[in-house]
Amino acid sequence: MGAYLAGLHPAAARRAPALPSKVLGYQTVGLVAQDSRSGSSPGQLLQLLGPRGTPQFSPVAPAQVQTGSPQWTADLMAGNSYIFIFLPTGECLTAAGLAGQPKLTLEHCDLAAAQRWRRAASVVQSQGHAFYQYANLGDSACLAEAGELSGQDYGAALEACSASPPPSQLIAFWWASV
């Protein structure tokens, strides 16, 4: 009987275990990076937003650095990963596209690996906050600020995670509240 099942269902033997769906805790946060351009003012903060379903970073006004406007929930899942939910739309930050060439999108939350993020490097302290790399479980690429787009908007992308994280890959939970 075992050979019969293995012969008819070879994919079943290789199926990855399901990711845990239990939420251990959550907080409302701003996902914030520091402007990584050379020559930029030190400490300029950029908040990840999702206008028109496209994640991108926007500058945080100096008056908002302390009080801010958190736009995400960071749900800590069993198994030590996070789901980032954009509050204005209720959609999850997702690595979509072809393997090895993912792009960031906001999509209906399904708790799949493409929507899971794990802290990948040791913490870097700056401005009283802990900055981490966040690697996507589906693609293993890290969330990154990808430079100026136009006007005051900055790209958000997935990049190969680096053992010595560049400033563009360091993200903090700002304005965290439970």
N, C-alpha and C. Protein backbone atom coordinates (compact mmCIF):
# COMPACT_ATOMS: atom_id res chain seq x y z
N MET A 1 0.82 -1.18 0.00
CA MET A 1 0.00 0.00 0.00
C MET A 1 0.87 1.25 0.00
N GLY A 2 1.97 1.27 0.78
CA GLY A 2 2.84 2.43 0.84
C GLY A 2 3.48 2.72 -0.51
N ALA A 3 3.91 1.67 -1.24
CA ALA A 3 4.50 1.87 -2.56
C ALA A 3 3.45 2.40 -3.53
N TYR A 4 2.24 1.93 -3.41
CA TYR A 4 1.15 2.40 -4.26
C TYR A 4 0.93 3.90 -4.08
N LEU A 5 0.88 4.39 -2.83
CA LEU A 5 0.67 5.81 -2.58
C LEU A 5 1.86 6.63 -3.04
N ALA A 6 3.06 6.16 -2.76
CA ALA A 6 4.25 6.89 -3.17
C ALA A 6 4.35 6.95 -4.68
N GLY A 7 3.94 5.87 -5.34
CA GLY A 7 3.99 5.85 -6.80
C GLY A 7 3.00 6.79 -7.44
N LEU A 8 1.85 6.96 -6.84
CA LEU A 8 0.83 7.83 -7.41
C LEU A 8 0.93 9.27 -6.95
N HIS A 9 1.55 9.51 -5.81
CA HIS A 9 1.61 10.85 -5.25
C HIS A 9 3.03 11.24 -4.85
N PRO A 10 3.97 11.32 -5.79
CA PRO A 10 5.34 11.67 -5.41
C PRO A 10 5.44 13.08 -4.85
N ALA A 11 4.59 14.00 -5.29
CA ALA A 11 4.66 15.37 -4.77
C ALA A 11 4.25 15.44 -3.31
N ALA A 12 3.38 14.55 -2.88
CA ALA A 12 2.92 14.56 -1.49
C ALA A 12 4.08 14.32 -0.53
N ALA A 13 5.03 13.51 -0.93
CA ALA A 13 6.17 13.22 -0.07
C ALA A 13 7.08 14.43 0.07
N ARG A 14 7.07 15.35 -0.90
CA ARG A 14 7.96 16.51 -0.87
C ARG A 14 7.26 17.78 -0.42
N ARG A 15 6.01 17.73 -0.13
CA ARG A 15 5.25 18.93 0.25
C ARG A 15 5.82 19.52 1.53
N ALA A 16 6.06 20.81 1.51
CA ALA A 16 6.58 21.51 2.69
C ALA A 16 5.50 21.57 3.77
N PRO A 17 5.92 21.54 5.01
CA PRO A 17 4.93 21.64 6.09
C PRO A 17 4.25 23.01 6.04
N ALA A 18 3.02 23.05 6.47
CA ALA A 18 2.27 24.31 6.47
C ALA A 18 2.90 25.29 7.45
N LEU A 19 2.87 26.55 7.10
CA LEU A 19 3.37 27.58 8.00
C LEU A 19 2.37 27.79 9.13
N PRO A 20 2.87 28.07 10.33
CA PRO A 20 1.95 28.29 11.45
C PRO A 20 1.03 29.48 11.16
N SER A 21 -0.22 29.37 11.57
CA SER A 21 -1.17 30.46 11.33
C SER A 21 -1.56 31.18 12.62
N LYS A 22 -0.96 30.78 13.73
CA LYS A 22 -1.30 31.40 15.01
C LYS A 22 -0.56 32.73 15.16
N VAL A 23 -1.32 33.79 15.49
CA VAL A 23 -0.75 35.11 15.75
C VAL A 23 -0.38 35.16 17.23
N LEU A 24 0.91 35.42 17.51
CA LEU A 24 1.38 35.49 18.89
C LEU A 24 1.22 36.89 19.46
N GLY A 25 1.22 37.88 18.61
CA GLY A 25 1.08 39.27 19.04
C GLY A 25 1.11 40.17 17.82
N TYR A 26 0.66 41.39 18.02
CA TYR A 26 0.71 42.35 16.92
C TYR A 26 0.93 43.73 17.48
N GLN A 27 1.42 44.61 16.65
CA GLN A 27 1.57 46.01 17.00
C GLN A 27 1.34 46.86 15.77
N THR A 28 0.83 48.05 15.99
CA THR A 28 0.65 49.01 14.91
C THR A 28 1.95 49.79 14.81
N VAL A 29 2.52 49.85 13.61
CA VAL A 29 3.86 50.43 13.44
C VAL A 29 3.94 51.24 12.14
N GLY A 30 4.98 52.02 12.07
CA GLY A 30 5.45 52.56 10.80
C GLY A 30 6.65 51.72 10.42
N LEU A 31 6.72 51.26 9.18
CA LEU A 31 7.91 50.56 8.69
C LEU A 31 8.81 51.64 8.10
N VAL A 32 9.94 51.89 8.78
CA VAL A 32 10.76 53.06 8.49
C VAL A 32 12.19 52.64 8.16
N ALA A 33 12.73 53.30 7.13
CA ALA A 33 14.14 53.16 6.75
C ALA A 33 14.78 54.53 6.85
N GLN A 34 16.09 54.56 6.86
CA GLN A 34 16.79 55.83 6.78
C GLN A 34 17.23 56.02 5.33
N ASP A 35 17.13 57.24 4.84
CA ASP A 35 17.53 57.54 3.47
C ASP A 35 18.97 57.07 3.27
N SER A 36 19.18 56.18 2.31
CA SER A 36 20.50 55.57 2.11
C SER A 36 21.33 56.27 1.04
N ARG A 37 20.80 57.33 0.43
CA ARG A 37 21.58 58.03 -0.60
C ARG A 37 22.79 58.69 0.03
N SER A 38 23.92 58.63 -0.67
CA SER A 38 25.09 59.34 -0.17
C SER A 38 24.82 60.83 -0.32
N GLY A 39 25.22 61.58 0.67
CA GLY A 39 25.01 63.02 0.64
C GLY A 39 23.65 63.44 1.18
N SER A 40 22.79 62.51 1.53
CA SER A 40 21.48 62.88 2.08
C SER A 40 21.66 63.31 3.53
N SER A 41 20.73 64.09 4.01
CA SER A 41 20.83 64.56 5.39
C SER A 41 20.79 63.35 6.32
N PRO A 42 21.71 63.31 7.29
CA PRO A 42 21.75 62.15 8.19
C PRO A 42 20.45 62.03 8.98
N GLY A 43 19.98 60.83 9.06
CA GLY A 43 18.79 60.58 9.85
C GLY A 43 17.47 60.84 9.16
N GLN A 44 17.46 61.22 7.87
CA GLN A 44 16.19 61.43 7.16
C GLN A 44 15.45 60.11 7.13
N LEU A 45 14.23 60.10 7.69
CA LEU A 45 13.45 58.88 7.77
C LEU A 45 12.49 58.77 6.59
N LEU A 46 12.30 57.54 6.13
CA LEU A 46 11.40 57.24 5.03
C LEU A 46 10.43 56.16 5.50
N GLN A 47 9.14 56.41 5.35
CA GLN A 47 8.13 55.44 5.79
C GLN A 47 7.59 54.68 4.60
N LEU A 48 7.46 53.35 4.75
CA LEU A 48 6.87 52.51 3.71
C LEU A 48 5.37 52.74 3.68
N LEU A 49 4.85 53.08 2.52
CA LEU A 49 3.43 53.27 2.28
C LEU A 49 3.03 52.43 1.09
N GLY A 50 1.76 52.43 0.74
CA GLY A 50 1.30 51.59 -0.36
C GLY A 50 0.33 52.28 -1.29
N PRO A 51 0.67 53.46 -1.81
CA PRO A 51 -0.29 54.12 -2.70
C PRO A 51 -0.55 53.29 -3.96
N ARG A 52 -1.81 53.16 -4.33
CA ARG A 52 -2.22 52.43 -5.53
C ARG A 52 -1.67 51.00 -5.55
N GLY A 53 -1.51 50.39 -4.38
CA GLY A 53 -1.08 48.99 -4.31
C GLY A 53 0.39 48.76 -4.56
N THR A 54 1.17 49.84 -4.69
CA THR A 54 2.60 49.72 -4.96
C THR A 54 3.39 50.22 -3.76
N PRO A 55 4.02 49.35 -3.01
CA PRO A 55 4.80 49.81 -1.86
C PRO A 55 5.95 50.73 -2.29
N GLN A 56 6.06 51.84 -1.57
CA GLN A 56 7.15 52.77 -1.79
C GLN A 56 7.38 53.55 -0.51
N PHE A 57 8.56 54.13 -0.40
CA PHE A 57 8.90 54.91 0.79
C PHE A 57 8.66 56.39 0.51
N SER A 58 8.22 57.10 1.55
CA SER A 58 8.01 58.55 1.49
C SER A 58 8.66 59.19 2.70
N PRO A 59 9.20 60.40 2.54
CA PRO A 59 9.86 61.06 3.68
C PRO A 59 8.88 61.32 4.83
N VAL A 60 9.42 61.20 6.02
CA VAL A 60 8.67 61.53 7.23
C VAL A 60 9.01 62.98 7.57
N ALA A 61 7.99 63.84 7.69
CA ALA A 61 8.22 65.24 8.04
C ALA A 61 8.82 65.32 9.43
N PRO A 62 9.75 66.26 9.65
CA PRO A 62 10.38 66.38 10.98
C PRO A 62 9.36 66.48 12.11
N ALA A 63 8.23 67.13 11.89
CA ALA A 63 7.22 67.27 12.93
C ALA A 63 6.55 65.94 13.26
N GLN A 64 6.65 64.95 12.36
CA GLN A 64 6.01 63.65 12.59
C GLN A 64 6.95 62.58 13.13
N VAL A 65 8.23 62.90 13.27
CA VAL A 65 9.19 61.88 13.72
C VAL A 65 8.79 61.32 15.07
N GLN A 66 8.31 62.15 15.98
CA GLN A 66 7.94 61.68 17.31
C GLN A 66 6.55 61.08 17.36
N THR A 67 5.57 61.75 16.76
CA THR A 67 4.18 61.28 16.87
C THR A 67 3.79 60.36 15.74
N GLY A 68 4.24 60.66 14.53
CA GLY A 68 4.05 59.81 13.38
C GLY A 68 2.63 59.42 13.04
N SER A 69 2.54 58.54 12.07
CA SER A 69 1.28 58.02 11.61
C SER A 69 1.50 56.57 11.18
N PRO A 70 1.44 55.64 12.13
CA PRO A 70 1.68 54.23 11.77
C PRO A 70 0.67 53.73 10.74
N GLN A 71 1.16 53.05 9.72
CA GLN A 71 0.32 52.60 8.62
C GLN A 71 0.25 51.08 8.48
N TRP A 72 0.89 50.34 9.36
CA TRP A 72 0.99 48.88 9.23
C TRP A 72 0.68 48.21 10.57
N THR A 73 0.23 46.98 10.51
CA THR A 73 0.32 46.11 11.68
C THR A 73 1.41 45.10 11.37
N ALA A 74 2.20 44.83 12.38
CA ALA A 74 3.23 43.80 12.29
C ALA A 74 2.74 42.66 13.18
N ASP A 75 2.25 41.61 12.54
CA ASP A 75 1.72 40.46 13.27
C ASP A 75 2.84 39.44 13.44
N LEU A 76 3.23 39.18 14.68
CA LEU A 76 4.23 38.16 14.96
C LEU A 76 3.53 36.81 14.97
N MET A 77 3.96 35.93 14.08
CA MET A 77 3.34 34.62 13.92
C MET A 77 4.15 33.57 14.67
N ALA A 78 3.48 32.48 15.06
CA ALA A 78 4.20 31.33 15.59
C ALA A 78 5.21 30.91 14.51
N GLY A 79 6.37 30.49 14.91
CA GLY A 79 7.41 30.16 13.93
C GLY A 79 8.34 31.34 13.71
N ASN A 80 8.12 32.46 14.41
CA ASN A 80 9.02 33.61 14.40
C ASN A 80 9.09 34.33 13.06
N SER A 81 7.96 34.55 12.43
CA SER A 81 7.92 35.38 11.23
C SER A 81 6.86 36.45 11.43
N TYR A 82 6.90 37.45 10.58
CA TYR A 82 5.94 38.55 10.63
C TYR A 82 5.09 38.58 9.37
N ILE A 83 3.87 39.07 9.53
CA ILE A 83 3.00 39.44 8.42
C ILE A 83 2.82 40.94 8.56
N PHE A 84 3.05 41.71 7.49
CA PHE A 84 2.87 43.16 7.51
C PHE A 84 1.59 43.50 6.76
N ILE A 85 0.62 44.08 7.46
CA ILE A 85 -0.68 44.42 6.87
C ILE A 85 -0.79 45.93 6.77
N PHE A 86 -1.04 46.42 5.54
CA PHE A 86 -1.18 47.86 5.29
C PHE A 86 -2.59 48.27 5.73
N LEU A 87 -2.68 49.09 6.76
CA LEU A 87 -3.96 49.42 7.38
C LEU A 87 -4.98 50.07 6.43
N PRO A 88 -4.58 51.02 5.56
CA PRO A 88 -5.60 51.63 4.71
C PRO A 88 -6.34 50.67 3.79
N THR A 89 -5.71 49.54 3.40
CA THR A 89 -6.35 48.61 2.47
C THR A 89 -6.61 47.23 3.07
N GLY A 90 -5.94 46.91 4.18
CA GLY A 90 -6.07 45.58 4.77
C GLY A 90 -5.32 44.51 3.99
N GLU A 91 -4.41 44.92 3.11
CA GLU A 91 -3.65 43.97 2.30
C GLU A 91 -2.27 43.73 2.90
N CYS A 92 -1.67 42.59 2.54
CA CYS A 92 -0.38 42.19 3.06
C CYS A 92 0.77 42.52 2.11
N LEU A 93 1.91 42.89 2.70
CA LEU A 93 3.13 43.11 1.92
C LEU A 93 3.57 41.74 1.39
N THR A 94 3.73 41.65 0.07
CA THR A 94 3.93 40.37 -0.59
C THR A 94 5.08 40.43 -1.59
N ALA A 95 5.89 39.37 -1.64
CA ALA A 95 6.89 39.19 -2.68
C ALA A 95 6.22 38.42 -3.80
N ALA A 96 5.95 39.09 -4.91
CA ALA A 96 5.23 38.46 -6.02
C ALA A 96 6.14 38.41 -7.24
N GLY A 97 5.76 37.61 -8.20
CA GLY A 97 6.53 37.53 -9.44
C GLY A 97 7.31 36.24 -9.53
N LEU A 98 8.24 36.23 -10.46
CA LEU A 98 9.04 35.04 -10.72
C LEU A 98 10.07 34.81 -9.63
N ALA A 99 10.39 33.56 -9.37
CA ALA A 99 11.43 33.23 -8.41
C ALA A 99 12.73 33.88 -8.85
N GLY A 100 13.42 34.51 -7.92
CA GLY A 100 14.67 35.18 -8.24
C GLY A 100 14.49 36.59 -8.78
N GLN A 101 13.26 36.97 -9.14
CA GLN A 101 12.97 38.31 -9.65
C GLN A 101 11.69 38.84 -9.01
N PRO A 102 11.60 38.76 -7.69
CA PRO A 102 10.34 39.18 -7.07
C PRO A 102 10.19 40.69 -7.07
N LYS A 103 8.95 41.12 -6.97
CA LYS A 103 8.68 42.53 -6.77
C LYS A 103 7.72 42.64 -5.59
N LEU A 104 7.70 43.78 -4.97
CA LEU A 104 6.83 44.00 -3.83
C LEU A 104 5.46 44.46 -4.30
N THR A 105 4.44 43.88 -3.71
CA THR A 105 3.07 44.28 -3.98
C THR A 105 2.28 44.23 -2.69
N LEU A 106 1.07 44.74 -2.74
CA LEU A 106 0.10 44.55 -1.67
C LEU A 106 -0.97 43.64 -2.22
N GLU A 107 -1.24 42.54 -1.51
CA GLU A 107 -2.21 41.57 -1.98
C GLU A 107 -3.07 41.08 -0.84
N HIS A 108 -4.21 40.47 -1.21
CA HIS A 108 -5.10 39.85 -0.22
C HIS A 108 -4.26 38.92 0.66
N CYS A 109 -4.45 39.01 1.96
CA CYS A 109 -3.66 38.21 2.91
C CYS A 109 -4.07 36.73 2.84
N ASP A 110 -3.07 35.87 2.62
CA ASP A 110 -3.32 34.43 2.61
C ASP A 110 -2.35 33.67 3.52
N LEU A 111 -1.45 34.39 4.19
CA LEU A 111 -0.49 33.85 5.15
C LEU A 111 0.54 32.92 4.53
N ALA A 112 0.71 32.97 3.22
CA ALA A 112 1.68 32.12 2.52
C ALA A 112 3.11 32.64 2.76
N ALA A 113 4.09 31.86 2.36
CA ALA A 113 5.50 32.22 2.54
C ALA A 113 5.84 33.55 1.88
N ALA A 114 5.19 33.89 0.76
CA ALA A 114 5.46 35.15 0.06
C ALA A 114 5.04 36.36 0.89
N GLN A 115 4.25 36.15 1.95
CA GLN A 115 3.80 37.24 2.82
C GLN A 115 4.43 37.16 4.21
N ARG A 116 5.41 36.31 4.37
CA ARG A 116 6.08 36.14 5.66
C ARG A 116 7.45 36.78 5.61
N TRP A 117 7.80 37.43 6.71
CA TRP A 117 9.07 38.15 6.82
C TRP A 117 9.76 37.75 8.13
N ARG A 118 11.04 37.47 8.04
CA ARG A 118 11.81 37.07 9.22
C ARG A 118 13.00 38.01 9.37
N ARG A 119 13.27 38.38 10.62
CA ARG A 119 14.46 39.20 10.88
C ARG A 119 15.69 38.38 10.51
N ALA A 120 16.55 38.97 9.66
CA ALA A 120 17.64 38.20 9.08
C ALA A 120 19.02 38.55 9.62
N ALA A 121 19.19 39.69 10.23
CA ALA A 121 20.53 40.08 10.68
C ALA A 121 20.44 40.62 12.10
N SER A 122 21.61 40.76 12.68
CA SER A 122 21.62 41.33 14.02
C SER A 122 21.14 42.78 13.98
N VAL A 123 20.73 43.25 15.10
CA VAL A 123 20.13 44.57 15.21
C VAL A 123 21.18 45.67 15.08
N VAL A 124 20.77 46.77 14.47
CA VAL A 124 21.57 47.99 14.40
C VAL A 124 20.75 49.06 15.10
N GLN A 125 21.33 49.69 16.12
CA GLN A 125 20.63 50.74 16.86
C GLN A 125 20.91 52.10 16.24
N SER A 126 19.85 52.89 16.04
CA SER A 126 20.00 54.25 15.53
C SER A 126 18.78 55.05 15.97
N GLN A 127 19.01 56.26 16.41
CA GLN A 127 17.95 57.16 16.84
C GLN A 127 17.03 56.51 17.87
N GLY A 128 17.61 55.66 18.71
CA GLY A 128 16.82 55.01 19.77
C GLY A 128 15.92 53.89 19.28
N HIS A 129 16.12 53.42 18.06
CA HIS A 129 15.30 52.35 17.49
C HIS A 129 16.19 51.21 16.99
N ALA A 130 15.61 50.01 16.96
CA ALA A 130 16.30 48.83 16.47
C ALA A 130 15.96 48.64 14.99
N PHE A 131 16.96 48.61 14.14
CA PHE A 131 16.79 48.39 12.70
C PHE A 131 17.24 46.96 12.39
N TYR A 132 16.45 46.26 11.61
CA TYR A 132 16.74 44.88 11.21
C TYR A 132 16.59 44.73 9.70
N GLN A 133 17.21 43.67 9.17
CA GLN A 133 16.87 43.21 7.83
C GLN A 133 15.62 42.35 7.96
N TYR A 134 14.73 42.42 6.99
CA TYR A 134 13.55 41.55 6.95
C TYR A 134 13.59 40.75 5.66
N ALA A 135 13.84 39.44 5.79
CA ALA A 135 13.94 38.54 4.64
C ALA A 135 12.59 37.88 4.40
N ASN A 136 12.21 37.78 3.14
CA ASN A 136 10.96 37.14 2.77
C ASN A 136 11.15 35.63 2.80
N LEU A 137 10.23 34.91 3.42
CA LEU A 137 10.34 33.46 3.51
C LEU A 137 10.16 32.78 2.17
N GLY A 138 9.40 33.37 1.26
CA GLY A 138 9.16 32.76 -0.04
C GLY A 138 10.33 32.89 -0.99
N ASP A 139 11.00 34.03 -0.97
CA ASP A 139 12.07 34.29 -1.94
C ASP A 139 13.44 34.46 -1.29
N SER A 140 13.50 34.60 0.02
CA SER A 140 14.74 34.81 0.78
C SER A 140 15.41 36.14 0.49
N ALA A 141 14.75 37.05 -0.22
CA ALA A 141 15.29 38.38 -0.49
C ALA A 141 14.86 39.31 0.64
N CYS A 142 15.62 40.39 0.82
CA CYS A 142 15.36 41.34 1.90
C CYS A 142 14.62 42.58 1.39
N LEU A 143 13.72 43.06 2.23
CA LEU A 143 13.03 44.32 1.99
C LEU A 143 14.07 45.44 2.00
N ALA A 144 13.97 46.35 1.03
CA ALA A 144 14.97 47.42 0.93
C ALA A 144 14.37 48.70 0.38
N GLU A 145 14.95 49.79 0.82
CA GLU A 145 14.68 51.10 0.22
C GLU A 145 15.57 51.17 -1.01
N ALA A 146 14.97 51.44 -2.18
CA ALA A 146 15.69 51.29 -3.44
C ALA A 146 16.01 52.61 -4.14
N GLY A 147 16.11 53.70 -3.42
CA GLY A 147 16.52 54.95 -4.02
C GLY A 147 15.35 55.78 -4.52
N GLU A 148 15.68 57.02 -4.87
CA GLU A 148 14.67 58.00 -5.26
C GLU A 148 14.01 57.63 -6.58
N LEU A 149 12.68 57.71 -6.61
CA LEU A 149 11.91 57.47 -7.82
C LEU A 149 11.69 58.78 -8.56
N SER A 150 10.83 59.61 -8.01
CA SER A 150 10.56 60.93 -8.58
C SER A 150 9.97 61.78 -7.48
N GLY A 151 10.21 63.05 -7.55
CA GLY A 151 9.69 63.92 -6.51
C GLY A 151 10.23 63.50 -5.16
N GLN A 152 9.34 63.19 -4.24
CA GLN A 152 9.77 62.80 -2.90
C GLN A 152 9.54 61.32 -2.62
N ASP A 153 9.25 60.53 -3.62
CA ASP A 153 9.01 59.10 -3.41
C ASP A 153 10.28 58.30 -3.65
N TYR A 154 10.39 57.22 -2.89
CA TYR A 154 11.55 56.34 -2.98
C TYR A 154 11.06 54.93 -3.23
N GLY A 155 11.81 54.19 -4.01
CA GLY A 155 11.41 52.83 -4.33
C GLY A 155 11.52 51.89 -3.15
N ALA A 156 10.71 50.86 -3.19
CA ALA A 156 10.79 49.75 -2.24
C ALA A 156 11.01 48.51 -3.09
N ALA A 157 11.95 47.68 -2.69
CA ALA A 157 12.31 46.54 -3.53
C ALA A 157 12.72 45.36 -2.66
N LEU A 158 12.98 44.26 -3.31
CA LEU A 158 13.57 43.09 -2.68
C LEU A 158 14.97 42.94 -3.27
N GLU A 159 15.94 42.78 -2.39
CA GLU A 159 17.33 42.63 -2.80
C GLU A 159 17.91 41.40 -2.10
N ALA A 160 18.98 40.86 -2.68
CA ALA A 160 19.68 39.76 -2.01
C ALA A 160 20.13 40.23 -0.64
N CYS A 161 19.85 39.45 0.38
CA CYS A 161 20.25 39.81 1.74
C CYS A 161 21.77 39.75 1.85
N SER A 162 22.33 40.71 2.54
CA SER A 162 23.77 40.78 2.71
C SER A 162 24.12 40.47 4.17
N ALA A 163 25.22 39.74 4.37
CA ALA A 163 25.66 39.41 5.72
C ALA A 163 26.03 40.67 6.50
N SER A 164 26.55 41.67 5.80
CA SER A 164 26.79 43.00 6.38
C SER A 164 25.75 43.91 5.76
N PRO A 165 24.59 44.06 6.42
CA PRO A 165 23.48 44.75 5.77
C PRO A 165 23.79 46.20 5.42
N PRO A 166 23.54 46.56 4.16
CA PRO A 166 23.68 47.97 3.79
C PRO A 166 22.54 48.77 4.42
N PRO A 167 22.73 50.07 4.58
CA PRO A 167 21.67 50.89 5.18
C PRO A 167 20.32 50.75 4.48
N SER A 168 20.33 50.49 3.19
CA SER A 168 19.06 50.38 2.44
C SER A 168 18.22 49.19 2.89
N GLN A 169 18.83 48.20 3.55
CA GLN A 169 18.11 47.01 3.98
C GLN A 169 17.73 47.03 5.46
N LEU A 170 17.95 48.14 6.13
CA LEU A 170 17.65 48.21 7.55
C LEU A 170 16.32 48.93 7.77
N ILE A 171 15.41 48.22 8.41
CA ILE A 171 14.03 48.69 8.61
C ILE A 171 13.73 48.64 10.11
N ALA A 172 13.04 49.68 10.61
CA ALA A 172 12.65 49.73 12.03
C ALA A 172 11.14 49.83 12.16
N PHE A 173 10.66 49.35 13.28
CA PHE A 173 9.26 49.58 13.67
C PHE A 173 9.24 50.92 14.39
N TRP A 174 8.62 51.92 13.80
CA TRP A 174 8.57 53.26 14.38
C TRP A 174 7.15 53.50 14.88
N TRP A 175 6.97 54.24 15.91
CA TRP A 175 5.67 54.57 16.48
C TRP A 175 4.92 53.31 16.91
N ALA A 176 5.63 52.32 17.36
CA ALA A 176 5.01 51.05 17.73
C ALA A 176 4.04 51.23 18.89
N SER A 177 2.89 50.59 18.74
CA SER A 177 1.91 50.56 19.84
C SER A 177 1.20 49.22 19.78
N VAL A 178 0.87 48.71 20.95
CA VAL A 178 0.20 47.41 21.01
C VAL A 178 -1.28 47.61 21.17
